[in-house]
Amino acid sequence: MVYTQQEGEFELRQKKNSLFFLAIISVAVISVLCGCQISTVNPSAEIIIAKEKMALDRWAKGDPYGFIELAAEEVTYFAEGTDTLVRGFKAFEMANAPMKGKISIPRFEMRDPKVQLHGEVGILTYVLYNYSELDSITSRWRSTEVYLLMNDDWKLIHSHWTIFK
């Protein structure tokens, strides 16, 4: 409790502190009684993962524009089989647009996604497993995607993909 010399302020702060404590206890009791869990996942991390999953869904259907539309103007990109860094939105679009209609992935898994948030930067890492129609693994990729919060939207500023066996 904080004491100030202003008359009545001490009692008001004491009441506010008591109400806040009561609210915290109430939420905890209700959570235990109903078997609820309070989420500790950061909403920004959930948004970044959801954006990436939507882009992967489109990619699996032969639409590279899911990733292209996520990209910021200053995006950079490393992909398997390239020895140079792709720089900028137009170059990123030119590198990915030719894949339109050429990819068909019946099923994929985004394994162990992790977002590390540092201010307005989110670094997403995960392993992507692609499967055939017979449900056998066709490829596995390590992915690192760097997002920047720009005008209240998470935009892709760097993408790096490496295939592994």
N, C-alpha and C. Protein backbone atom coordinates (compact mmCIF):
# COMPACT_ATOMS: atom_id res chain seq x y z
N MET A 1 0.83 -1.18 0.00
CA MET A 1 0.00 0.00 0.00
C MET A 1 0.87 1.24 0.00
N VAL A 2 0.37 2.27 -0.65
CA VAL A 2 1.09 3.53 -0.73
C VAL A 2 0.34 4.56 0.09
N TYR A 3 1.07 5.26 0.92
CA TYR A 3 0.44 6.30 1.71
C TYR A 3 0.79 7.65 1.13
N THR A 4 -0.20 8.51 0.95
CA THR A 4 0.03 9.89 0.57
C THR A 4 -0.65 10.78 1.58
N GLN A 5 -0.27 12.00 1.61
CA GLN A 5 -0.82 12.90 2.60
C GLN A 5 -2.19 13.45 2.21
N GLN A 6 -2.59 13.26 0.95
CA GLN A 6 -3.89 13.78 0.55
C GLN A 6 -4.99 12.99 1.24
N GLU A 7 -5.91 13.71 1.81
CA GLU A 7 -6.98 13.10 2.60
C GLU A 7 -7.83 12.18 1.73
N GLY A 8 -8.04 10.99 2.17
CA GLY A 8 -8.91 10.04 1.48
C GLY A 8 -8.20 9.23 0.40
N GLU A 9 -7.05 9.68 -0.08
CA GLU A 9 -6.37 8.96 -1.16
C GLU A 9 -5.84 7.62 -0.69
N PHE A 10 -5.39 7.56 0.58
CA PHE A 10 -4.88 6.31 1.12
C PHE A 10 -5.97 5.24 1.12
N GLU A 11 -7.16 5.61 1.57
CA GLU A 11 -8.25 4.65 1.61
C GLU A 11 -8.66 4.22 0.20
N LEU A 12 -8.68 5.15 -0.76
CA LEU A 12 -9.05 4.84 -2.13
C LEU A 12 -8.05 3.86 -2.76
N ARG A 13 -6.77 4.12 -2.56
CA ARG A 13 -5.76 3.19 -3.11
C ARG A 13 -5.86 1.82 -2.46
N GLN A 14 -6.15 1.80 -1.18
CA GLN A 14 -6.30 0.53 -0.47
C GLN A 14 -7.47 -0.26 -1.05
N LYS A 15 -8.59 0.43 -1.33
CA LYS A 15 -9.75 -0.24 -1.92
C LYS A 15 -9.44 -0.74 -3.32
N LYS A 16 -8.75 0.08 -4.13
CA LYS A 16 -8.38 -0.34 -5.49
C LYS A 16 -7.47 -1.56 -5.46
N ASN A 17 -6.50 -1.55 -4.55
CA ASN A 17 -5.60 -2.70 -4.43
C ASN A 17 -6.37 -3.95 -4.02
N SER A 18 -7.32 -3.80 -3.10
CA SER A 18 -8.13 -4.94 -2.66
C SER A 18 -8.98 -5.49 -3.80
N LEU A 19 -9.60 -4.60 -4.59
CA LEU A 19 -10.42 -5.03 -5.72
C LEU A 19 -9.57 -5.74 -6.78
N PHE A 20 -8.38 -5.21 -7.05
CA PHE A 20 -7.50 -5.84 -8.03
C PHE A 20 -7.11 -7.24 -7.57
N PHE A 21 -6.73 -7.36 -6.30
CA PHE A 21 -6.36 -8.66 -5.74
C PHE A 21 -7.54 -9.63 -5.81
N LEU A 22 -8.74 -9.15 -5.49
CA LEU A 22 -9.94 -9.98 -5.54
C LEU A 22 -10.22 -10.45 -6.98
N ALA A 23 -10.02 -9.57 -7.96
CA ALA A 23 -10.23 -9.94 -9.36
C ALA A 23 -9.25 -11.03 -9.79
N ILE A 24 -7.99 -10.91 -9.42
CA ILE A 24 -6.97 -11.92 -9.76
C ILE A 24 -7.34 -13.27 -9.13
N ILE A 25 -7.72 -13.26 -7.87
CA ILE A 25 -8.10 -14.50 -7.18
C ILE A 25 -9.34 -15.11 -7.85
N SER A 26 -10.30 -14.28 -8.22
CA SER A 26 -11.53 -14.78 -8.87
C SER A 26 -11.23 -15.46 -10.19
N VAL A 27 -10.38 -14.86 -11.00
CA VAL A 27 -10.01 -15.47 -12.29
C VAL A 27 -9.31 -16.80 -12.05
N ALA A 28 -8.42 -16.84 -11.09
CA ALA A 28 -7.70 -18.09 -10.80
C ALA A 28 -8.66 -19.18 -10.34
N VAL A 29 -9.60 -18.86 -9.44
CA VAL A 29 -10.56 -19.84 -8.92
C VAL A 29 -11.47 -20.34 -10.05
N ILE A 30 -11.98 -19.42 -10.85
CA ILE A 30 -12.85 -19.81 -11.97
C ILE A 30 -12.09 -20.70 -12.95
N SER A 31 -10.84 -20.39 -13.22
CA SER A 31 -10.03 -21.20 -14.14
C SER A 31 -9.87 -22.62 -13.61
N VAL A 32 -9.62 -22.75 -12.32
CA VAL A 32 -9.45 -24.07 -11.72
C VAL A 32 -10.77 -24.84 -11.74
N LEU A 33 -11.86 -24.17 -11.37
CA LEU A 33 -13.16 -24.84 -11.30
C LEU A 33 -13.66 -25.31 -12.66
N CYS A 34 -13.42 -24.53 -13.71
CA CYS A 34 -13.94 -24.93 -15.02
C CYS A 34 -12.90 -25.68 -15.85
N GLY A 35 -11.71 -25.86 -15.29
CA GLY A 35 -10.68 -26.59 -16.03
C GLY A 35 -10.08 -25.76 -17.15
N CYS A 36 -10.28 -24.45 -17.10
CA CYS A 36 -9.76 -23.55 -18.15
C CYS A 36 -8.28 -23.30 -17.92
N GLN A 37 -7.62 -22.97 -19.00
CA GLN A 37 -6.23 -22.56 -18.91
C GLN A 37 -6.11 -21.14 -19.43
N ILE A 38 -5.33 -20.36 -18.73
CA ILE A 38 -5.10 -19.00 -19.18
C ILE A 38 -3.93 -19.05 -20.16
N SER A 39 -4.14 -18.54 -21.36
CA SER A 39 -3.12 -18.60 -22.40
C SER A 39 -1.97 -17.65 -22.08
N THR A 40 -0.75 -18.16 -22.23
CA THR A 40 0.42 -17.33 -22.07
C THR A 40 1.09 -17.09 -23.42
N VAL A 41 0.43 -17.48 -24.51
CA VAL A 41 0.97 -17.30 -25.84
C VAL A 41 0.76 -15.85 -26.24
N ASN A 42 1.78 -15.26 -26.81
CA ASN A 42 1.70 -13.87 -27.25
C ASN A 42 0.84 -13.79 -28.51
N PRO A 43 -0.14 -12.89 -28.54
CA PRO A 43 -0.99 -12.79 -29.73
C PRO A 43 -0.20 -12.47 -31.00
N SER A 44 0.87 -11.72 -30.89
CA SER A 44 1.69 -11.42 -32.07
C SER A 44 2.31 -12.69 -32.64
N ALA A 45 2.76 -13.58 -31.78
CA ALA A 45 3.32 -14.85 -32.24
C ALA A 45 2.26 -15.67 -32.95
N GLU A 46 1.05 -15.70 -32.39
CA GLU A 46 -0.05 -16.44 -33.02
C GLU A 46 -0.39 -15.86 -34.39
N ILE A 47 -0.36 -14.54 -34.52
CA ILE A 47 -0.65 -13.88 -35.79
C ILE A 47 0.39 -14.25 -36.83
N ILE A 48 1.66 -14.19 -36.46
CA ILE A 48 2.75 -14.52 -37.39
C ILE A 48 2.62 -15.96 -37.87
N ILE A 49 2.38 -16.89 -36.95
CA ILE A 49 2.24 -18.30 -37.33
C ILE A 49 1.03 -18.48 -38.24
N ALA A 50 -0.07 -17.82 -37.93
CA ALA A 50 -1.27 -17.93 -38.77
C ALA A 50 -1.02 -17.39 -40.18
N LYS A 51 -0.32 -16.28 -40.29
CA LYS A 51 0.00 -15.72 -41.61
C LYS A 51 0.86 -16.71 -42.41
N GLU A 52 1.83 -17.29 -41.75
CA GLU A 52 2.71 -18.25 -42.42
C GLU A 52 1.93 -19.48 -42.87
N LYS A 53 1.04 -19.98 -42.01
CA LYS A 53 0.24 -21.15 -42.38
C LYS A 53 -0.66 -20.85 -43.58
N MET A 54 -1.23 -19.66 -43.62
CA MET A 54 -2.07 -19.30 -44.77
C MET A 54 -1.24 -19.25 -46.05
N ALA A 55 -0.03 -18.72 -45.96
CA ALA A 55 0.85 -18.67 -47.13
C ALA A 55 1.23 -20.09 -47.56
N LEU A 56 1.50 -20.97 -46.60
CA LEU A 56 1.83 -22.37 -46.91
C LEU A 56 0.65 -23.08 -47.56
N ASP A 57 -0.56 -22.82 -47.06
CA ASP A 57 -1.76 -23.41 -47.67
C ASP A 57 -1.86 -23.03 -49.15
N ARG A 58 -1.63 -21.77 -49.43
CA ARG A 58 -1.70 -21.31 -50.82
C ARG A 58 -0.57 -21.91 -51.65
N TRP A 59 0.63 -21.95 -51.09
CA TRP A 59 1.79 -22.51 -51.79
C TRP A 59 1.52 -23.97 -52.17
N ALA A 60 0.96 -24.73 -51.23
CA ALA A 60 0.69 -26.15 -51.46
C ALA A 60 -0.30 -26.37 -52.61
N LYS A 61 -1.09 -25.34 -52.90
CA LYS A 61 -2.07 -25.41 -54.00
C LYS A 61 -1.54 -24.73 -55.27
N GLY A 62 -0.25 -24.42 -55.28
CA GLY A 62 0.35 -23.84 -56.48
C GLY A 62 0.25 -22.33 -56.56
N ASP A 63 -0.03 -21.67 -55.44
CA ASP A 63 -0.18 -20.22 -55.44
C ASP A 63 0.92 -19.57 -54.59
N PRO A 64 1.98 -19.07 -55.23
CA PRO A 64 3.07 -18.45 -54.47
C PRO A 64 2.73 -17.06 -53.92
N TYR A 65 1.58 -16.52 -54.32
CA TYR A 65 1.25 -15.16 -53.91
C TYR A 65 0.89 -15.03 -52.43
N GLY A 66 0.67 -16.14 -51.75
CA GLY A 66 0.50 -16.08 -50.30
C GLY A 66 1.75 -15.50 -49.65
N PHE A 67 2.91 -15.96 -50.10
CA PHE A 67 4.17 -15.43 -49.57
C PHE A 67 4.48 -14.06 -50.16
N ILE A 68 4.23 -13.90 -51.43
CA ILE A 68 4.53 -12.61 -52.08
C ILE A 68 3.74 -11.48 -51.40
N GLU A 69 2.48 -11.73 -51.09
CA GLU A 69 1.65 -10.70 -50.46
C GLU A 69 2.07 -10.40 -49.02
N LEU A 70 2.78 -11.32 -48.39
CA LEU A 70 3.29 -11.07 -47.03
C LEU A 70 4.53 -10.19 -47.04
N ALA A 71 5.21 -10.10 -48.17
CA ALA A 71 6.53 -9.47 -48.23
C ALA A 71 6.47 -7.95 -48.16
N ALA A 72 7.43 -7.40 -47.44
CA ALA A 72 7.63 -5.96 -47.39
C ALA A 72 8.47 -5.54 -48.60
N GLU A 73 8.51 -4.27 -48.87
CA GLU A 73 9.29 -3.76 -50.01
C GLU A 73 10.76 -4.15 -49.92
N GLU A 74 11.31 -4.17 -48.70
CA GLU A 74 12.75 -4.45 -48.53
C GLU A 74 13.05 -5.93 -48.25
N VAL A 75 12.15 -6.83 -48.58
CA VAL A 75 12.33 -8.25 -48.31
C VAL A 75 13.63 -8.77 -48.94
N THR A 76 14.27 -9.70 -48.21
CA THR A 76 15.42 -10.45 -48.74
C THR A 76 15.08 -11.92 -48.64
N TYR A 77 15.76 -12.74 -49.49
CA TYR A 77 15.34 -14.13 -49.62
C TYR A 77 16.50 -15.00 -50.05
N PHE A 78 16.72 -16.09 -49.31
CA PHE A 78 17.63 -17.16 -49.69
C PHE A 78 16.80 -18.42 -49.88
N ALA A 79 17.02 -19.12 -50.97
CA ALA A 79 16.31 -20.38 -51.19
C ALA A 79 17.31 -21.44 -51.63
N GLU A 80 16.91 -22.68 -51.45
CA GLU A 80 17.73 -23.82 -51.87
C GLU A 80 18.04 -23.67 -53.36
N GLY A 81 19.29 -23.88 -53.70
CA GLY A 81 19.70 -23.84 -55.11
C GLY A 81 20.06 -22.46 -55.61
N THR A 82 19.93 -21.45 -54.76
CA THR A 82 20.35 -20.11 -55.18
C THR A 82 21.64 -19.75 -54.47
N ASP A 83 22.51 -19.08 -55.17
CA ASP A 83 23.77 -18.68 -54.55
C ASP A 83 23.83 -17.17 -54.33
N THR A 84 22.75 -16.50 -54.62
CA THR A 84 22.71 -15.06 -54.39
C THR A 84 21.49 -14.71 -53.54
N LEU A 85 21.60 -13.61 -52.88
CA LEU A 85 20.51 -13.11 -52.05
C LEU A 85 19.55 -12.34 -52.94
N VAL A 86 18.28 -12.69 -52.88
CA VAL A 86 17.24 -11.96 -53.60
C VAL A 86 16.91 -10.73 -52.75
N ARG A 87 16.95 -9.55 -53.36
CA ARG A 87 16.75 -8.30 -52.61
C ARG A 87 15.59 -7.50 -53.18
N GLY A 88 14.63 -7.18 -52.34
CA GLY A 88 13.54 -6.31 -52.71
C GLY A 88 12.30 -7.06 -53.18
N PHE A 89 11.15 -6.36 -53.07
CA PHE A 89 9.87 -6.98 -53.37
C PHE A 89 9.79 -7.48 -54.81
N LYS A 90 10.18 -6.66 -55.77
CA LYS A 90 10.06 -7.06 -57.19
C LYS A 90 10.90 -8.30 -57.47
N ALA A 91 12.11 -8.34 -56.96
CA ALA A 91 12.98 -9.51 -57.17
C ALA A 91 12.39 -10.75 -56.48
N PHE A 92 11.80 -10.55 -55.29
CA PHE A 92 11.16 -11.65 -54.56
C PHE A 92 9.97 -12.19 -55.37
N GLU A 93 9.18 -11.28 -55.92
CA GLU A 93 8.04 -11.70 -56.73
C GLU A 93 8.53 -12.43 -57.99
N MET A 94 9.56 -11.91 -58.64
CA MET A 94 10.09 -12.56 -59.86
C MET A 94 10.66 -13.94 -59.56
N ALA A 95 11.21 -14.14 -58.37
CA ALA A 95 11.77 -15.43 -58.00
C ALA A 95 10.69 -16.46 -57.69
N ASN A 96 9.54 -16.01 -57.21
CA ASN A 96 8.49 -16.94 -56.77
C ASN A 96 7.31 -17.08 -57.72
N ALA A 97 6.98 -16.03 -58.45
CA ALA A 97 5.81 -16.06 -59.33
C ALA A 97 5.86 -17.18 -60.37
N PRO A 98 7.02 -17.53 -60.93
CA PRO A 98 7.04 -18.62 -61.91
C PRO A 98 6.59 -19.98 -61.37
N MET A 99 6.50 -20.10 -60.05
CA MET A 99 6.05 -21.37 -59.44
C MET A 99 4.53 -21.52 -59.49
N LYS A 100 3.83 -20.47 -59.91
CA LYS A 100 2.36 -20.50 -59.94
C LYS A 100 1.87 -21.67 -60.79
N GLY A 101 1.03 -22.52 -60.18
CA GLY A 101 0.46 -23.67 -60.86
C GLY A 101 1.39 -24.86 -60.99
N LYS A 102 2.62 -24.77 -60.52
CA LYS A 102 3.59 -25.85 -60.68
C LYS A 102 3.80 -26.67 -59.42
N ILE A 103 3.14 -26.31 -58.36
CA ILE A 103 3.33 -27.01 -57.09
C ILE A 103 2.00 -27.60 -56.65
N SER A 104 2.08 -28.84 -56.19
CA SER A 104 0.90 -29.49 -55.61
C SER A 104 1.39 -30.35 -54.45
N ILE A 105 1.04 -29.94 -53.27
CA ILE A 105 1.44 -30.66 -52.07
C ILE A 105 0.16 -31.08 -51.35
N PRO A 106 -0.16 -32.38 -51.40
CA PRO A 106 -1.42 -32.84 -50.80
C PRO A 106 -1.54 -32.56 -49.30
N ARG A 107 -0.41 -32.64 -48.61
CA ARG A 107 -0.43 -32.43 -47.17
C ARG A 107 0.93 -31.96 -46.71
N PHE A 108 0.93 -31.07 -45.73
CA PHE A 108 2.19 -30.62 -45.14
C PHE A 108 2.00 -30.46 -43.64
N GLU A 109 3.11 -30.45 -42.93
CA GLU A 109 3.11 -30.20 -41.49
C GLU A 109 4.13 -29.12 -41.18
N MET A 110 3.69 -28.16 -40.43
CA MET A 110 4.58 -27.12 -39.91
C MET A 110 4.95 -27.57 -38.49
N ARG A 111 6.15 -28.08 -38.33
CA ARG A 111 6.54 -28.66 -37.04
C ARG A 111 7.34 -27.69 -36.19
N ASP A 112 7.03 -27.71 -34.92
CA ASP A 112 7.75 -26.93 -33.90
C ASP A 112 7.92 -25.46 -34.25
N PRO A 113 6.84 -24.78 -34.65
CA PRO A 113 7.01 -23.35 -34.93
C PRO A 113 7.34 -22.59 -33.65
N LYS A 114 8.27 -21.69 -33.77
CA LYS A 114 8.66 -20.86 -32.62
C LYS A 114 8.84 -19.44 -33.12
N VAL A 115 8.24 -18.50 -32.42
CA VAL A 115 8.40 -17.08 -32.75
C VAL A 115 9.14 -16.43 -31.60
N GLN A 116 10.24 -15.79 -31.93
CA GLN A 116 10.99 -15.01 -30.96
C GLN A 116 10.68 -13.55 -31.27
N LEU A 117 10.08 -12.87 -30.30
CA LEU A 117 9.70 -11.47 -30.49
C LEU A 117 10.72 -10.56 -29.83
N HIS A 118 11.16 -9.56 -30.58
CA HIS A 118 12.10 -8.56 -30.10
C HIS A 118 11.59 -7.21 -30.56
N GLY A 119 10.77 -6.60 -29.74
CA GLY A 119 10.18 -5.32 -30.12
C GLY A 119 9.24 -5.52 -31.29
N GLU A 120 9.52 -4.86 -32.39
CA GLU A 120 8.67 -4.94 -33.57
C GLU A 120 9.16 -5.97 -34.58
N VAL A 121 10.06 -6.87 -34.14
CA VAL A 121 10.59 -7.92 -35.00
C VAL A 121 10.20 -9.28 -34.43
N GLY A 122 9.70 -10.15 -35.30
CA GLY A 122 9.37 -11.51 -34.92
C GLY A 122 10.13 -12.48 -35.81
N ILE A 123 10.87 -13.39 -35.21
CA ILE A 123 11.64 -14.38 -35.96
C ILE A 123 10.94 -15.72 -35.80
N LEU A 124 10.44 -16.23 -36.92
CA LEU A 124 9.72 -17.51 -36.94
C LEU A 124 10.64 -18.58 -37.49
N THR A 125 10.80 -19.66 -36.73
CA THR A 125 11.56 -20.82 -37.20
C THR A 125 10.67 -22.05 -37.08
N TYR A 126 10.80 -22.94 -38.05
CA TYR A 126 10.05 -24.19 -38.02
C TYR A 126 10.64 -25.15 -39.04
N VAL A 127 10.17 -26.40 -38.96
CA VAL A 127 10.54 -27.41 -39.95
C VAL A 127 9.26 -27.76 -40.70
N LEU A 128 9.35 -27.78 -42.02
CA LEU A 128 8.21 -28.09 -42.87
C LEU A 128 8.39 -29.48 -43.45
N TYR A 129 7.38 -30.33 -43.25
CA TYR A 129 7.35 -31.67 -43.85
C TYR A 129 6.27 -31.65 -44.93
N ASN A 130 6.65 -32.02 -46.15
CA ASN A 130 5.70 -32.16 -47.26
C ASN A 130 5.45 -33.64 -47.51
N TYR A 131 4.19 -33.97 -47.82
CA TYR A 131 3.81 -35.37 -48.02
C TYR A 131 3.19 -35.57 -49.40
N SER A 132 3.33 -36.80 -49.90
CA SER A 132 2.72 -37.19 -51.17
C SER A 132 1.26 -37.61 -50.94
N GLU A 133 0.59 -37.92 -52.03
CA GLU A 133 -0.79 -38.43 -51.92
C GLU A 133 -0.84 -39.76 -51.16
N LEU A 134 0.25 -40.51 -51.19
CA LEU A 134 0.33 -41.79 -50.47
C LEU A 134 0.80 -41.58 -49.02
N ASP A 135 0.91 -40.31 -48.62
CA ASP A 135 1.28 -39.91 -47.27
C ASP A 135 2.72 -40.24 -46.89
N SER A 136 3.59 -40.33 -47.89
CA SER A 136 5.01 -40.48 -47.57
C SER A 136 5.67 -39.10 -47.66
N ILE A 137 6.72 -38.93 -46.89
CA ILE A 137 7.42 -37.64 -46.86
C ILE A 137 8.14 -37.44 -48.20
N THR A 138 7.88 -36.30 -48.82
CA THR A 138 8.54 -35.98 -50.09
C THR A 138 9.69 -35.00 -49.90
N SER A 139 9.59 -34.14 -48.90
CA SER A 139 10.69 -33.21 -48.61
C SER A 139 10.54 -32.65 -47.20
N ARG A 140 11.68 -32.24 -46.66
CA ARG A 140 11.72 -31.59 -45.35
C ARG A 140 12.55 -30.32 -45.49
N TRP A 141 12.03 -29.25 -44.95
CA TRP A 141 12.68 -27.95 -45.07
C TRP A 141 12.84 -27.30 -43.71
N ARG A 142 13.98 -26.63 -43.52
CA ARG A 142 14.16 -25.75 -42.36
C ARG A 142 13.83 -24.34 -42.84
N SER A 143 13.03 -23.64 -42.08
CA SER A 143 12.62 -22.30 -42.48
C SER A 143 12.90 -21.29 -41.37
N THR A 144 13.42 -20.16 -41.79
CA THR A 144 13.55 -19.00 -40.91
C THR A 144 12.91 -17.83 -41.63
N GLU A 145 11.90 -17.26 -41.01
CA GLU A 145 11.18 -16.12 -41.57
C GLU A 145 11.25 -14.98 -40.57
N VAL A 146 11.64 -13.81 -41.03
CA VAL A 146 11.74 -12.65 -40.16
C VAL A 146 10.63 -11.68 -40.54
N TYR A 147 9.82 -11.33 -39.56
CA TYR A 147 8.70 -10.42 -39.76
C TYR A 147 8.96 -9.11 -39.02
N LEU A 148 8.45 -8.02 -39.60
CA LEU A 148 8.55 -6.71 -38.98
C LEU A 148 7.14 -6.13 -38.87
N LEU A 149 6.82 -5.58 -37.71
CA LEU A 149 5.52 -4.94 -37.52
C LEU A 149 5.56 -3.56 -38.18
N MET A 150 4.77 -3.42 -39.25
CA MET A 150 4.73 -2.18 -40.02
C MET A 150 3.28 -1.73 -40.16
N ASN A 151 2.97 -0.55 -39.68
CA ASN A 151 1.60 -0.04 -39.77
C ASN A 151 0.58 -1.04 -39.25
N ASP A 152 0.85 -1.61 -38.09
CA ASP A 152 -0.04 -2.57 -37.42
C ASP A 152 -0.23 -3.88 -38.18
N ASP A 153 0.72 -4.23 -39.05
CA ASP A 153 0.65 -5.49 -39.80
C ASP A 153 2.04 -6.12 -39.81
N TRP A 154 2.09 -7.43 -39.64
CA TRP A 154 3.35 -8.15 -39.69
C TRP A 154 3.70 -8.44 -41.15
N LYS A 155 4.86 -7.92 -41.60
CA LYS A 155 5.31 -8.09 -42.98
C LYS A 155 6.61 -8.90 -42.98
N LEU A 156 6.75 -9.74 -43.98
CA LEU A 156 7.94 -10.58 -44.15
C LEU A 156 9.09 -9.73 -44.67
N ILE A 157 10.20 -9.69 -43.92
CA ILE A 157 11.36 -8.91 -44.37
C ILE A 157 12.55 -9.79 -44.73
N HIS A 158 12.53 -11.06 -44.30
CA HIS A 158 13.59 -11.99 -44.72
C HIS A 158 13.04 -13.42 -44.69
N SER A 159 13.41 -14.19 -45.69
CA SER A 159 12.97 -15.57 -45.81
C SER A 159 14.18 -16.43 -46.18
N HIS A 160 14.34 -17.54 -45.47
CA HIS A 160 15.46 -18.46 -45.74
C HIS A 160 14.95 -19.89 -45.64
N TRP A 161 15.13 -20.65 -46.71
CA TRP A 161 14.69 -22.03 -46.77
C TRP A 161 15.87 -22.93 -47.13
N THR A 162 16.00 -24.03 -46.38
CA THR A 162 17.04 -25.02 -46.64
C THR A 162 16.42 -26.41 -46.57
N ILE A 163 16.63 -27.20 -47.61
CA ILE A 163 16.11 -28.58 -47.63
C ILE A 163 17.10 -29.48 -46.89
N PHE A 164 16.59 -30.52 -46.26
CA PHE A 164 17.48 -31.51 -45.62
C PHE A 164 16.88 -32.89 -45.76
N LYS A 165 17.74 -33.89 -45.58
CA LYS A 165 17.31 -35.29 -45.75
C LYS A 165 16.99 -35.93 -44.45
